[in-house]
């Protein structure tokens, strides 16, 4: 896991704005917050996930993604990582160089928009913090979420 540069972070967010119509907004203006041009499914989150549920979601990505992924946390540090790293739930550390705490985002969007996707955009999870929604992309990943809806406490 590593914090990605501001330049790459900007490129990735620009791609989400341009290609996916990302519309971060705390007001319900009637517009979709994101339009995913790939096979996707929207789920409603019923309650904050536990560490075990987060680990289950990570195992989905671990099964499907061979390489690196991006973890974007709106208005915060963003990362490249591998799901095989098994980054601990609610992981944080102090960055002595910048003299600040760094927080790796959870798969559950707990306060900000959280976006996780592989570099080829075959699989992803986009989370909306106020609507308690996730949008899952990729047929195999959708299937894993559908098979585990009870464990993850999800609704379609």
Protein backbone atom coordinates (compact mmCIF):
# COMPACT_ATOMS: atom_id res chain seq x y z
CA UNK A 1 0.00 0.00 0.00
CA UNK A 2 1.24 3.46 -0.80
CA UNK A 3 -0.21 6.95 -0.93
CA UNK A 4 -0.40 7.97 -4.57
CA UNK A 5 0.83 11.32 -5.83
CA UNK A 6 -1.41 14.36 -6.01
CA UNK A 7 -1.04 14.28 -9.81
CA UNK A 8 -2.28 10.70 -10.14
CA UNK A 9 -4.99 11.37 -7.55
CA UNK A 10 -6.23 14.30 -9.66
CA UNK A 11 -6.16 12.20 -12.83
CA UNK A 12 -8.23 9.46 -11.20
CA UNK A 13 -10.82 11.86 -9.78
CA UNK A 14 -10.98 13.66 -13.15
CA UNK A 15 -11.68 10.30 -14.80
CA UNK A 16 -14.50 9.66 -12.31
CA UNK A 17 -15.95 13.12 -12.98
CA UNK A 18 -15.63 12.83 -16.78
CA UNK A 19 -16.26 9.15 -17.52
CA UNK A 20 -18.63 8.35 -14.65
CA UNK A 21 -20.33 11.71 -14.12
CA UNK A 22 -19.30 11.70 -10.46
CA UNK A 23 -21.42 14.31 -8.68
CA UNK A 24 -20.40 14.74 -5.03
CA UNK A 25 -23.22 16.61 -3.37
CA UNK A 26 -24.58 16.62 0.14
CA UNK A 27 -27.96 17.83 -1.09
CA UNK A 28 -30.38 15.52 -2.84
CA UNK A 29 -30.63 17.43 -6.12
CA UNK A 30 -32.28 14.55 -7.97
CA UNK A 31 -29.18 13.81 -10.04
CA UNK A 32 -27.39 10.48 -9.92
CA UNK A 33 -24.25 10.74 -7.87
CA UNK A 34 -22.42 8.52 -10.37
CA UNK A 35 -23.24 6.84 -13.70
CA UNK A 36 -21.25 3.67 -14.17
CA UNK A 37 -20.94 2.67 -17.86
CA UNK A 38 -20.16 -0.95 -16.98
CA UNK A 39 -22.27 -3.81 -15.70
CA UNK A 40 -23.15 -2.77 -12.16
CA UNK A 41 -25.56 -3.28 -9.30
CA UNK A 42 -26.60 -0.88 -6.56
CA UNK A 43 -27.01 -2.10 -2.99
CA UNK A 44 -28.30 -0.33 0.11
CA UNK A 45 -26.20 -0.64 3.25
CA UNK A 46 -28.13 -1.26 6.46
CA UNK A 47 -25.40 -0.73 9.04
CA UNK A 48 -21.68 -0.08 9.38
CA UNK A 49 -19.62 -3.14 8.51
CA UNK A 50 -17.52 -4.96 11.06
CA UNK A 51 -13.91 -5.96 10.52
CA UNK A 52 -15.09 -9.43 9.51
CA UNK A 53 -17.43 -8.02 6.86
CA UNK A 54 -14.65 -5.76 5.56
CA UNK A 55 -12.35 -8.80 5.35
CA UNK A 56 -15.02 -10.67 3.38
CA UNK A 57 -15.27 -7.83 0.85
CA UNK A 58 -11.48 -7.76 0.59
CA UNK A 59 -11.51 -11.52 -0.10
CA UNK A 60 -13.79 -10.87 -3.10
CA UNK A 61 -11.21 -8.52 -4.59
CA UNK A 62 -8.39 -10.87 -3.63
CA UNK A 63 -10.07 -13.66 -5.61
CA UNK A 64 -10.70 -11.51 -8.69
CA UNK A 65 -7.88 -8.96 -8.97
CA UNK A 66 -4.31 -10.07 -9.70
CA UNK A 67 -2.62 -6.70 -9.61
CA UNK A 68 -2.87 -3.36 -7.92
CA UNK A 69 -6.05 -1.47 -7.15
CA UNK A 70 -6.81 2.12 -6.29
CA UNK A 71 -8.52 3.21 -3.10
CA UNK A 72 -9.87 6.74 -3.37
CA UNK A 73 -11.22 8.64 -0.39
CA UNK A 74 -12.79 11.93 -1.48
CA UNK A 75 -10.88 14.97 -0.18
CA UNK A 76 -8.30 12.72 1.55
CA UNK A 77 -5.23 10.67 0.72
CA UNK A 78 -5.68 8.06 -2.00
CA UNK A 79 -3.77 4.82 -2.39
CA UNK A 80 -2.59 2.04 -4.64
CA UNK A 81 -2.74 -1.33 -2.93
CA UNK A 82 -3.20 -5.03 -3.43
CA UNK A 83 -6.08 -6.84 -1.73
CA UNK A 84 -3.54 -9.59 -1.00
CA UNK A 85 -1.90 -7.21 1.51
CA UNK A 86 -4.82 -7.72 3.93
CA UNK A 87 -4.69 -4.15 5.18
CA UNK A 88 -6.19 -4.12 8.68
CA UNK A 89 -9.67 -2.73 9.25
CA UNK A 90 -9.57 0.99 10.10
CA UNK A 91 -5.83 1.10 9.40
CA UNK A 92 -4.04 4.35 10.17
CA UNK A 93 -0.49 5.51 10.72
CA UNK A 94 1.42 8.73 11.30
CA UNK A 95 3.28 10.09 8.28
CA UNK A 96 6.32 11.71 9.88
CA UNK A 97 7.38 13.39 6.63
CA UNK A 98 4.08 15.30 6.32
CA UNK A 99 3.42 15.30 10.08
CA UNK A 100 -0.14 14.00 9.72
CA UNK A 101 -2.19 10.89 10.30
CA UNK A 102 -3.03 8.80 7.25
CA UNK A 103 -6.19 6.70 7.15
CA UNK A 104 -6.75 3.89 4.69
CA UNK A 105 -10.44 3.97 3.68
CA UNK A 106 -12.83 1.18 4.56
CA UNK A 107 -14.90 -0.51 1.89
CA UNK A 108 -17.94 0.85 3.71
CA UNK A 109 -18.24 4.58 2.88
CA UNK A 110 -18.15 5.89 6.43
CA UNK A 111 -18.19 9.65 6.05
CA UNK A 112 -16.91 10.32 2.54
CA UNK A 113 -17.15 8.85 -0.92
CA UNK A 114 -14.94 5.76 -1.11
CA UNK A 115 -14.00 4.29 -4.48
CA UNK A 116 -12.11 1.04 -5.01
CA UNK A 117 -11.28 -0.29 -8.47
CA UNK A 118 -8.65 -2.25 -10.31
CA UNK A 119 -6.48 -0.50 -12.87
CA UNK A 120 -8.42 -2.01 -15.80
CA UNK A 121 -11.82 -1.03 -14.30
CA UNK A 122 -12.98 -4.65 -14.47
CA UNK A 123 -14.07 -4.61 -10.83
CA UNK A 124 -14.98 -1.86 -8.46
CA UNK A 125 -16.95 -0.68 -5.49
CA UNK A 126 -18.16 2.90 -5.34
CA UNK A 127 -19.64 4.05 -2.04
CA UNK A 128 -21.90 6.98 -1.20
CA UNK A 129 -21.68 8.02 2.47
CA UNK A 130 -25.03 9.77 2.98
CA UNK A 131 -27.24 7.57 0.85
CA UNK A 132 -25.78 4.41 2.41
CA UNK A 133 -25.25 2.97 -1.05
CA UNK A 134 -22.60 1.04 -2.85
CA UNK A 135 -22.40 0.38 -6.55
CA UNK A 136 -20.54 -2.78 -7.47
CA UNK A 137 -19.07 -3.25 -10.96
CA UNK A 138 -18.07 -6.48 -12.65
CA UNK A 139 -20.24 -9.56 -13.12
CA UNK A 140 -18.19 -11.85 -10.85
CA UNK A 141 -17.94 -9.23 -8.10
CA UNK A 142 -21.68 -8.55 -8.27
CA UNK A 143 -22.29 -12.29 -7.91
CA UNK A 144 -20.11 -12.42 -4.78
CA UNK A 145 -22.06 -9.54 -3.22
CA UNK A 146 -25.40 -11.12 -4.14
CA UNK A 147 -24.32 -14.44 -2.62
CA UNK A 148 -23.38 -12.70 0.62
CA UNK A 149 -26.19 -10.16 1.00
CA UNK A 150 -27.28 -11.56 4.38
CA UNK A 151 -23.76 -11.61 5.82
CA UNK A 152 -23.13 -8.06 4.55
CA UNK A 153 -26.59 -6.88 5.61
CA UNK A 154 -27.41 -5.50 2.15
CA UNK A 155 -30.62 -4.73 0.30
CA UNK A 156 -31.08 -4.46 -3.47
